[in-house]
């Protein structure tokens, strides 16, 4: 069947290009980012093709068809697969063309003081809790799920609450990864106090409980991905068993959030006491989550209903978003609202819009290529930043060049489920937030002499940095 043939051939091309990129740069983040793109773009297509061809995949996505629109194996679905695959392949080819072949420059490490990260994280966590306290109390009184209630009662402060959650999770994830890397870290020297380790454990445990009650997976997954890539990127030879254990525990926690998020808040304790056996199947959670289908459906819905592109609307919406919704409550919505109204989905359900679909709704078929090339240029620029560091480079740019490859990949999952407006969220949540925290937490290490020496566990470093 042509659907399997197209999906199989394009999957093989994507895998080969991912291997080539990894061989060229040796950055595990490239592989992780491409896997994330594939998961939210094409992974669900295998199950759909199997089921619509008379087989049985075992995936439970049919309720999405009832609430969104039915999917059929027709010409529009074949074009959908081709557009998603072309988006990923063109992005990979752009990275391959732009990625620098030069070896990274040896630079002195930065001194990382964890006090600032912890202080900012605790302040953000407390502020986020106070923004949601009344809604949690109401959800308890109404015997309803905190997740469903808070998502149905969003206001102008909800976006601030989400940003604060990321402030309390992403910078601490980077700090903890650097702490775990220890003296072998290639980029940071840790200043450890007696309260540093307990501080991170208390902060992350508190935020874990808070996000669990709210049913929020996105912030946790972004922090997990950023921290894991920071640890792997900080060491020449990371402990893959340690990293795999951390990722496994993180995925288990995400599965638990997904399993319990519909539980009424007042009945959460009883549900937990009855056991968590249904939430521990991480493999089933990753393989059967509706995350792989909602965004995947979007391109087919747009093509099958003949939805006309709104030329450059996302750029207009993105410009207007510079004014906070607290000041301008009626500012223009992003392209997602136009998509949901055009294809006839049930409103206020929060179904994802694939990034490629968002670009199509702005510029048609050419927009899909534009979006892929832009993402490839941004990704390659983050990877090439190290080659642009000079002796006179300031602390902000050095920090950007260090963390950019990690935080960009951490921002791909939310970006691939949003239109072009998603770049604003990635810029704020994954770049500006950790950059602001690290600028206050870092300072350049003074060196005694401007001489580079080789250390077996660190590589080339300035002699004064030991």
Protein backbone atom coordinates (compact mmCIF):
# COMPACT_ATOMS: atom_id res chain seq x y z
CA UNK A 1 0.00 0.00 0.00
CA UNK A 2 1.25 3.46 -0.93
CA UNK A 3 0.67 4.82 2.60
CA UNK A 4 3.03 2.30 4.19
CA UNK A 5 5.54 2.75 1.36
CA UNK A 6 5.64 6.55 1.74
CA UNK A 7 5.81 6.36 5.53
CA UNK A 8 8.51 3.66 5.48
CA UNK A 9 10.75 5.39 2.92
CA UNK A 10 10.53 8.81 4.58
CA UNK A 11 11.14 7.30 8.02
CA UNK A 12 14.30 5.64 6.71
CA UNK A 13 15.51 8.94 5.21
CA UNK A 14 14.85 10.77 8.50
CA UNK A 15 16.76 8.10 10.43
CA UNK A 16 19.76 8.22 8.08
CA UNK A 17 19.95 12.02 8.23
CA UNK A 18 19.70 11.90 12.04
CA UNK A 19 22.64 9.47 12.12
CA UNK A 20 24.67 11.70 9.78
CA UNK A 21 24.01 14.77 11.94
CA UNK A 22 24.94 12.90 15.10
CA UNK A 23 28.16 11.60 13.54
CA UNK A 24 29.08 15.10 12.46
CA UNK A 25 28.48 16.87 15.78
CA UNK A 26 28.19 14.08 18.38
CA UNK A 27 25.32 15.93 20.07
CA UNK A 28 22.70 13.62 21.57
CA UNK A 29 20.30 16.58 21.56
CA UNK A 30 20.08 16.36 17.77
CA UNK A 31 18.79 12.81 18.03
CA UNK A 32 16.40 13.66 20.88
CA UNK A 33 14.95 16.63 19.00
CA UNK A 34 14.44 14.69 15.78
CA UNK A 35 12.78 11.84 17.70
CA UNK A 36 10.43 14.37 19.33
CA UNK A 37 9.56 15.85 15.94
CA UNK A 38 8.91 12.41 14.49
CA UNK A 39 6.78 11.36 17.47
CA UNK A 40 4.41 14.32 17.17
CA UNK A 41 4.44 14.29 13.37
CA UNK A 42 4.47 10.75 11.98
CA UNK A 43 4.43 8.18 14.79
CA UNK A 44 0.63 8.15 14.98
CA UNK A 45 0.37 7.54 11.23
CA UNK A 46 1.46 3.91 11.62
CA UNK A 47 -1.53 3.10 13.86
CA UNK A 48 -3.99 5.03 11.70
CA UNK A 49 -2.90 3.25 8.52
CA UNK A 50 -3.07 -0.15 10.23
CA UNK A 51 -6.56 0.49 11.62
CA UNK A 52 -8.02 2.07 8.48
CA UNK A 53 -6.66 -0.83 6.42
CA UNK A 54 -8.64 -3.39 8.43
CA UNK A 55 -6.05 -4.23 11.09
CA UNK A 56 -5.97 -3.41 14.78
CA UNK A 57 -3.19 -1.30 16.34
CA UNK A 58 -4.64 -1.21 19.85
CA UNK A 59 -4.37 2.58 20.04
CA UNK A 60 -7.24 4.51 21.61
CA UNK A 61 -7.55 7.61 19.44
CA UNK A 62 -11.10 7.12 18.16
CA UNK A 63 -12.58 9.57 20.67
CA UNK A 64 -10.48 12.26 18.99
CA UNK A 65 -12.24 11.56 15.72
CA UNK A 66 -15.59 12.02 17.46
CA UNK A 67 -14.56 15.34 18.96
CA UNK A 68 -12.47 16.60 16.05
CA UNK A 69 -13.15 14.98 12.66
CA UNK A 70 -12.84 11.51 11.09
CA UNK A 71 -9.66 10.58 9.24
CA UNK A 72 -9.78 8.49 6.06
CA UNK A 73 -7.07 6.89 3.93
CA UNK A 74 -7.53 9.14 0.93
CA UNK A 75 -5.43 11.49 -1.15
CA UNK A 76 -5.48 14.17 1.52
CA UNK A 77 -3.97 11.81 4.07
CA UNK A 78 -1.23 10.84 1.64
CA UNK A 79 -0.41 14.54 1.21
CA UNK A 80 -0.50 14.96 5.00
CA UNK A 81 2.18 12.29 5.46
CA UNK A 82 4.28 13.81 2.67
CA UNK A 83 4.07 17.31 4.18
CA UNK A 84 5.03 16.18 7.69
CA UNK A 85 7.90 14.06 6.40
CA UNK A 86 9.06 16.81 4.05
CA UNK A 87 9.01 19.27 6.94
CA UNK A 88 11.38 17.12 9.03
CA UNK A 89 13.67 16.18 6.13
CA UNK A 90 14.01 19.76 4.88
CA UNK A 91 14.78 20.91 8.42
CA UNK A 92 17.49 18.23 8.73
CA UNK A 93 19.03 19.18 5.38
CA UNK A 94 19.07 22.85 6.45
CA UNK A 95 20.95 21.97 9.64
CA UNK A 96 23.37 19.80 7.66
CA UNK A 97 24.06 22.65 5.22
CA UNK A 98 24.56 25.35 7.87
CA UNK A 99 26.20 23.39 10.69
CA UNK A 100 29.78 24.48 11.26
CA UNK A 101 32.51 21.88 10.71
CA UNK A 102 35.02 23.66 12.94
CA UNK A 103 35.88 22.26 16.35
CA UNK A 104 34.50 24.19 19.34
CA UNK A 105 36.83 26.79 20.79
CA UNK A 106 38.38 26.00 24.21
CA UNK A 107 37.01 28.49 26.74
CA UNK A 108 37.44 28.92 30.49
CA UNK A 109 34.62 27.59 32.61
CA UNK A 110 32.12 29.75 34.45
CA UNK A 111 31.62 29.68 38.20
CA UNK A 112 28.02 28.66 38.99
CA UNK A 113 26.56 29.80 42.30
CA UNK A 114 23.43 27.76 42.92
CA UNK A 115 22.02 30.12 45.57
CA UNK A 116 20.52 32.47 42.98
CA UNK A 117 18.88 29.62 41.06
CA UNK A 118 17.35 28.20 44.23
CA UNK A 119 16.12 31.58 45.48
CA UNK A 120 14.49 32.43 42.15
CA UNK A 121 12.96 28.96 41.91
CA UNK A 122 11.38 29.11 45.36
CA UNK A 123 9.98 32.61 44.77
CA UNK A 124 8.47 31.53 41.43
CA UNK A 125 7.00 28.36 42.95
CA UNK A 126 5.32 30.25 45.79
CA UNK A 127 3.98 32.94 43.44
CA UNK A 128 2.57 30.30 41.07
CA UNK A 129 0.84 28.56 43.95
CA UNK A 130 -0.84 31.77 45.15
CA UNK A 131 -2.11 32.45 41.62
CA UNK A 132 -3.81 29.04 41.55
CA UNK A 133 -4.81 28.69 45.22
CA UNK A 134 -8.40 29.89 44.80
CA UNK A 135 -8.98 27.68 41.77
CA UNK A 136 -7.64 24.64 43.65
CA UNK A 137 -9.98 25.39 46.55
CA UNK A 138 -12.94 25.66 44.18
CA UNK A 139 -12.00 22.39 42.44
CA UNK A 140 -11.89 20.70 45.85
CA UNK A 141 -15.30 22.09 46.83
CA UNK A 142 -16.84 21.08 43.48
CA UNK A 143 -15.37 17.56 43.69
CA UNK A 144 -13.81 17.95 40.25
CA UNK A 145 -10.38 17.44 38.71
CA UNK A 146 -7.96 20.30 39.31
CA UNK A 147 -6.65 19.82 35.78
CA UNK A 148 -10.01 20.13 34.06
CA UNK A 149 -11.18 23.00 36.25
CA UNK A 150 -8.05 25.13 35.93
CA UNK A 151 -7.91 24.57 32.16
CA UNK A 152 -11.57 25.54 31.73
CA UNK A 153 -11.25 28.65 33.92
CA UNK A 154 -8.19 30.28 32.39
CA UNK A 155 -7.84 34.04 32.75
CA UNK A 156 -5.22 36.68 32.04
CA UNK A 157 -3.11 35.35 34.95
CA UNK A 158 -2.97 31.77 33.73
CA UNK A 159 -0.13 32.47 31.30
CA UNK A 160 1.88 34.07 34.12
CA UNK A 161 1.27 30.97 36.23
CA UNK A 162 2.68 28.78 33.43
CA UNK A 163 5.75 30.99 33.07
CA UNK A 164 6.37 30.89 36.82
CA UNK A 165 6.18 27.09 36.73
CA UNK A 166 8.93 27.05 34.12
CA UNK A 167 11.02 29.50 36.16
CA UNK A 168 10.74 27.10 39.10
CA UNK A 169 11.63 24.02 37.02
CA UNK A 170 13.91 24.70 34.04
CA UNK A 171 16.78 26.71 35.65
CA UNK A 172 16.86 24.30 38.65
CA UNK A 173 16.95 21.37 36.20
CA UNK A 174 20.03 22.89 34.52
CA UNK A 175 21.59 23.65 37.90
CA UNK A 176 21.00 20.15 39.23
CA UNK A 177 22.42 18.62 36.03
CA UNK A 178 25.57 20.69 36.46
CA UNK A 179 25.75 19.67 40.11
CA UNK A 180 25.49 15.98 39.15
CA UNK A 181 28.20 16.46 36.49
CA UNK A 182 30.46 17.73 39.28
CA UNK A 183 34.11 18.57 38.68
CA UNK A 184 34.07 16.96 35.25
CA UNK A 185 31.68 19.57 33.86
CA UNK A 186 33.20 21.22 30.78
CA UNK A 187 31.37 24.52 31.21
CA UNK A 188 30.76 25.27 34.90
CA UNK A 189 32.55 25.15 38.24
CA UNK A 190 30.08 24.48 41.05
CA UNK A 191 30.01 26.52 44.25
CA UNK A 192 28.33 24.06 46.64
CA UNK A 193 26.95 25.02 50.04
CA UNK A 194 25.68 22.61 52.71
CA UNK A 195 22.10 23.48 51.69
CA UNK A 196 22.58 23.19 47.91
CA UNK A 197 21.59 19.54 47.48
CA UNK A 198 18.71 19.68 50.03
CA UNK A 199 17.51 22.92 48.42
CA UNK A 200 17.21 21.33 44.98
CA UNK A 201 15.49 18.25 46.38
CA UNK A 202 12.93 20.29 48.33
CA UNK A 203 12.23 22.63 45.39
CA UNK A 204 11.81 19.85 42.82
CA UNK A 205 9.76 17.72 45.22
CA UNK A 206 7.45 20.66 45.90
CA UNK A 207 7.06 21.50 42.22
CA UNK A 208 6.56 17.83 41.44
CA UNK A 209 3.65 17.69 43.90
CA UNK A 210 2.20 20.94 42.56
CA UNK A 211 2.33 19.88 38.92
CA UNK A 212 0.98 16.44 39.84
CA UNK A 213 -2.08 17.98 41.50
CA UNK A 214 -2.61 20.33 38.54
CA UNK A 215 -2.04 17.55 36.01
CA UNK A 216 0.59 19.57 34.15
CA UNK A 217 2.95 17.40 32.09
CA UNK A 218 4.41 19.96 29.71
CA UNK A 219 6.54 21.89 32.21
CA UNK A 220 7.84 18.67 33.79
CA UNK A 221 8.78 17.15 30.44
CA UNK A 222 10.53 20.33 29.30
CA UNK A 223 12.57 20.47 32.52
CA UNK A 224 13.40 16.75 32.31
CA UNK A 225 14.61 17.11 28.73
CA UNK A 226 16.63 20.27 29.45
CA UNK A 227 18.27 18.74 32.52
CA UNK A 228 19.08 15.45 30.80
CA UNK A 229 20.67 17.17 27.80
CA UNK A 230 22.59 19.54 30.08
CA UNK A 231 24.10 16.59 31.93
CA UNK A 232 24.97 14.69 28.74
CA UNK A 233 26.38 17.82 27.07
CA UNK A 234 28.48 18.84 30.07
CA UNK A 235 30.55 15.66 30.11
CA UNK A 236 32.78 14.11 27.49
CA UNK A 237 31.84 10.67 28.81
CA UNK A 238 28.50 10.87 30.64
CA UNK A 239 27.24 8.02 32.76
CA UNK A 240 24.51 6.72 30.47
CA UNK A 241 23.13 4.38 33.14
CA UNK A 242 22.65 7.29 35.51
CA UNK A 243 21.03 9.36 32.78
CA UNK A 244 18.79 6.48 31.69
CA UNK A 245 17.62 5.93 35.28
CA UNK A 246 16.76 9.62 35.65
CA UNK A 247 14.84 9.67 32.35
CA UNK A 248 13.00 6.47 33.29
CA UNK A 249 11.93 7.95 36.64
CA UNK A 250 10.84 11.13 34.87
CA UNK A 251 8.74 9.20 32.35
CA UNK A 252 7.17 7.21 35.18
CA UNK A 253 6.19 10.48 36.87
CA UNK A 254 4.70 11.79 33.61
CA UNK A 255 2.72 8.56 33.28
CA UNK A 256 1.43 9.01 36.84
CA UNK A 257 0.35 12.59 36.09
CA UNK A 258 -1.47 11.41 32.97
CA UNK A 259 -3.16 8.59 34.87
CA UNK A 260 -4.41 10.69 37.81
CA UNK A 261 -5.08 14.06 36.14
CA UNK A 262 -8.79 13.35 35.70
CA UNK A 263 -9.23 12.31 39.36
CA UNK A 264 -11.31 14.75 41.45
CA UNK A 265 -9.05 16.74 43.74
CA UNK A 266 -11.02 15.76 46.87
CA UNK A 267 -10.63 12.08 45.97
CA UNK A 268 -6.92 12.19 45.11
CA UNK A 269 -5.75 10.73 48.43
CA UNK A 270 -8.10 7.77 48.18
CA UNK A 271 -7.04 7.14 44.58
CA UNK A 272 -3.37 7.15 45.58
CA UNK A 273 -4.02 4.80 48.50
CA UNK A 274 -5.63 2.29 46.13
CA UNK A 275 -2.34 1.99 44.30
CA UNK A 276 -0.59 3.36 41.25
CA UNK A 277 -0.31 0.15 39.27
CA UNK A 278 -2.14 1.66 36.32
CA UNK A 279 0.29 4.55 36.15
CA UNK A 280 3.51 2.57 36.12
CA UNK A 281 3.39 1.21 32.58
CA UNK A 282 5.76 3.74 31.02
CA UNK A 283 5.96 1.86 27.73
CA UNK A 284 2.21 1.94 27.27
CA UNK A 285 2.11 5.63 28.22
CA UNK A 286 4.69 6.59 25.58
CA UNK A 287 3.31 4.28 22.89
CA UNK A 288 -0.41 5.01 23.29
CA UNK A 289 -0.65 8.59 24.53
CA UNK A 290 -3.02 10.75 22.48
CA UNK A 291 -0.14 13.22 22.20
CA UNK A 292 0.90 11.32 19.07
CA UNK A 293 -2.46 11.86 17.36
CA UNK A 294 -4.03 15.24 18.18
CA UNK A 295 -1.36 17.34 16.46
CA UNK A 296 -0.99 14.75 13.69
CA UNK A 297 -4.69 15.10 12.80
CA UNK A 298 -4.44 18.85 12.23
CA UNK A 299 -2.95 18.91 8.71
CA UNK A 300 -5.48 16.39 7.43
CA UNK A 301 -8.36 18.39 8.88
CA UNK A 302 -7.15 21.58 7.22
CA UNK A 303 -6.64 19.93 3.83
CA UNK A 304 -9.84 17.86 3.85
CA UNK A 305 -12.04 20.84 4.79
CA UNK A 306 -10.35 23.15 2.30
CA UNK A 307 -9.40 25.69 4.96
CA UNK A 308 -7.94 28.75 3.26
CA UNK A 309 -4.64 30.17 4.54
CA UNK A 310 -4.74 33.54 6.30
CA UNK A 311 -1.68 35.21 4.82
CA UNK A 312 0.79 36.10 7.58
CA UNK A 313 -1.82 36.11 10.37
CA UNK A 314 0.54 34.46 12.89
CA UNK A 315 3.09 37.23 12.37
CA UNK A 316 0.39 39.80 13.19
CA UNK A 317 -0.69 37.78 16.25
CA UNK A 318 2.93 37.41 17.33
CA UNK A 319 3.50 41.17 17.11
CA UNK A 320 0.35 41.87 19.15
CA UNK A 321 1.42 39.36 21.80
CA UNK A 322 4.16 41.77 22.88
CA UNK A 323 1.40 43.48 24.88
CA UNK A 324 0.47 41.27 27.88
CA UNK A 325 -3.09 39.96 27.95
CA UNK A 326 -3.45 41.50 31.42
CA UNK A 327 -3.24 44.91 29.71
CA UNK A 328 -5.03 43.93 26.48
CA UNK A 329 -7.48 41.09 27.29
CA UNK A 330 -8.99 41.19 23.81
CA UNK A 331 -5.76 41.03 21.84
CA UNK A 332 -5.85 38.83 18.69
CA UNK A 333 -5.69 35.10 19.35
CA UNK A 334 -3.15 32.89 17.62
CA UNK A 335 -3.80 30.82 14.51
CA UNK A 336 -5.07 27.88 16.58
CA UNK A 337 -8.49 29.49 17.09
CA UNK A 338 -8.90 29.90 13.32
CA UNK A 339 -7.92 26.26 12.85
CA UNK A 340 -10.36 24.89 15.44
CA UNK A 341 -13.26 26.94 14.07
CA UNK A 342 -12.48 26.01 10.47
CA UNK A 343 -12.31 22.24 10.96
CA UNK A 344 -15.23 22.14 13.42
CA UNK A 345 -13.62 20.75 16.57
CA UNK A 346 -15.42 20.97 19.90
CA UNK A 347 -14.27 24.22 21.46
CA UNK A 348 -12.25 24.59 24.68
CA UNK A 349 -10.72 21.12 24.34
CA UNK A 350 -7.14 22.26 23.78
CA UNK A 351 -6.29 19.98 20.87
CA UNK A 352 -2.83 20.57 19.46
CA UNK A 353 -2.01 22.27 16.18
CA UNK A 354 1.05 20.87 14.44
CA UNK A 355 3.76 23.43 13.74
CA UNK A 356 3.80 22.58 10.03
CA UNK A 357 0.02 23.03 9.90
CA UNK A 358 0.38 26.45 11.50
CA UNK A 359 2.80 27.51 8.77
CA UNK A 360 0.43 26.10 6.11
CA UNK A 361 -2.43 28.18 7.52
CA UNK A 362 -0.25 31.29 7.07
CA UNK A 363 1.39 30.75 3.68
CA UNK A 364 -0.01 27.57 2.14
CA UNK A 365 2.31 24.80 0.93
CA UNK A 366 5.23 27.24 0.70
CA UNK A 367 4.73 27.98 4.40
CA UNK A 368 5.55 24.38 5.33
CA UNK A 369 8.94 24.74 3.61
CA UNK A 370 9.48 28.17 5.19
CA UNK A 371 8.79 26.80 8.66
CA UNK A 372 11.16 23.86 8.18
CA UNK A 373 14.01 26.05 6.91
CA UNK A 374 13.52 28.56 9.74
CA UNK A 375 13.61 25.84 12.40
CA UNK A 376 16.72 24.35 10.79
CA UNK A 377 18.47 27.73 10.75
CA UNK A 378 17.58 28.43 14.39
CA UNK A 379 18.76 24.97 15.48
CA UNK A 380 22.02 25.20 13.53
CA UNK A 381 22.58 28.72 14.91
CA UNK A 382 22.28 27.42 18.47
CA UNK A 383 24.76 24.63 17.72
CA UNK A 384 27.20 27.01 16.01
CA UNK A 385 27.17 29.58 18.82
CA UNK A 386 30.24 28.08 20.49
CA UNK A 387 32.35 28.83 17.41
CA UNK A 388 31.42 32.51 17.71
CA UNK A 389 32.72 32.98 21.25
CA UNK A 390 35.61 35.43 21.41
CA UNK A 391 37.82 36.63 24.23
CA UNK A 392 35.75 39.81 24.51
CA UNK A 393 32.41 37.97 24.52
CA UNK A 394 30.25 38.97 27.46
CA UNK A 395 28.70 36.67 30.04
CA UNK A 396 25.19 36.63 28.47
CA UNK A 397 26.47 35.43 25.11
CA UNK A 398 28.74 32.81 26.70
CA UNK A 399 25.78 31.48 28.64
CA UNK A 400 23.63 31.47 25.52
CA UNK A 401 26.28 29.60 23.53
CA UNK A 402 26.50 27.01 26.31
CA UNK A 403 22.85 26.25 27.01
CA UNK A 404 21.22 27.05 23.64
CA UNK A 405 21.51 23.52 22.15
CA UNK A 406 19.95 22.02 25.30
CA UNK A 407 17.07 24.42 25.87
CA UNK A 408 16.09 24.61 22.19
CA UNK A 409 15.59 20.86 22.04
CA UNK A 410 13.67 21.04 25.33
CA UNK A 411 11.41 23.58 23.63
CA UNK A 412 10.71 21.43 20.55
CA UNK A 413 7.81 19.42 22.09
CA UNK A 414 5.73 22.55 22.85
CA UNK A 415 6.86 24.21 19.61
CA UNK A 416 5.84 21.31 17.37
CA UNK A 417 2.34 21.50 18.90
CA UNK A 418 1.88 25.21 18.14
CA UNK A 419 1.89 27.48 15.13
CA UNK A 420 4.61 30.05 14.35
CA UNK A 421 3.49 31.88 17.51
CA UNK A 422 5.12 29.05 19.46
CA UNK A 423 8.51 30.71 18.99
CA UNK A 424 7.51 33.32 21.55
CA UNK A 425 6.94 30.65 24.18
CA UNK A 426 10.26 28.96 23.39
CA UNK A 427 12.09 32.31 23.50
CA UNK A 428 10.65 33.24 26.89
CA UNK A 429 10.36 29.89 28.64
CA UNK A 430 13.42 28.08 27.30
CA UNK A 431 15.87 30.93 26.65
CA UNK A 432 15.11 34.13 28.56
CA UNK A 433 14.00 32.42 31.79
CA UNK A 434 17.10 30.19 32.27
CA UNK A 435 19.37 32.91 30.88
CA UNK A 436 18.09 35.43 33.44
CA UNK A 437 18.56 32.94 36.27
CA UNK A 438 22.06 31.92 35.17
CA UNK A 439 23.29 35.48 34.58
CA UNK A 440 22.77 36.17 38.29
CA UNK A 441 24.22 32.80 39.25
CA UNK A 442 27.41 32.89 37.16
CA UNK A 443 30.59 34.85 36.99
CA UNK A 444 33.75 34.35 34.97
CA UNK A 445 36.55 32.52 36.73
CA UNK A 446 39.66 34.63 37.09
CA UNK A 447 42.76 32.96 35.72
CA UNK A 448 46.35 33.54 36.70
CA UNK A 449 47.83 33.27 33.24
CA UNK A 450 46.42 33.25 29.74
CA UNK A 451 47.74 29.80 28.95
CA UNK A 452 45.78 26.77 27.81
CA UNK A 453 46.66 23.38 29.27
CA UNK A 454 45.22 19.93 28.63
CA UNK A 455 43.37 18.12 31.41
CA UNK A 456 42.39 14.54 30.71
CA UNK A 457 38.90 14.86 32.19
CA UNK A 458 38.15 18.39 30.93
CA UNK A 459 40.03 18.94 27.69
CA UNK A 460 41.63 22.31 26.94
CA UNK A 461 41.11 24.81 29.79
CA UNK A 462 42.93 27.88 31.05
CA UNK A 463 45.70 27.01 33.46
CA UNK A 464 44.14 28.96 36.32
CA UNK A 465 40.87 27.02 36.14
CA UNK A 466 41.36 23.82 38.13
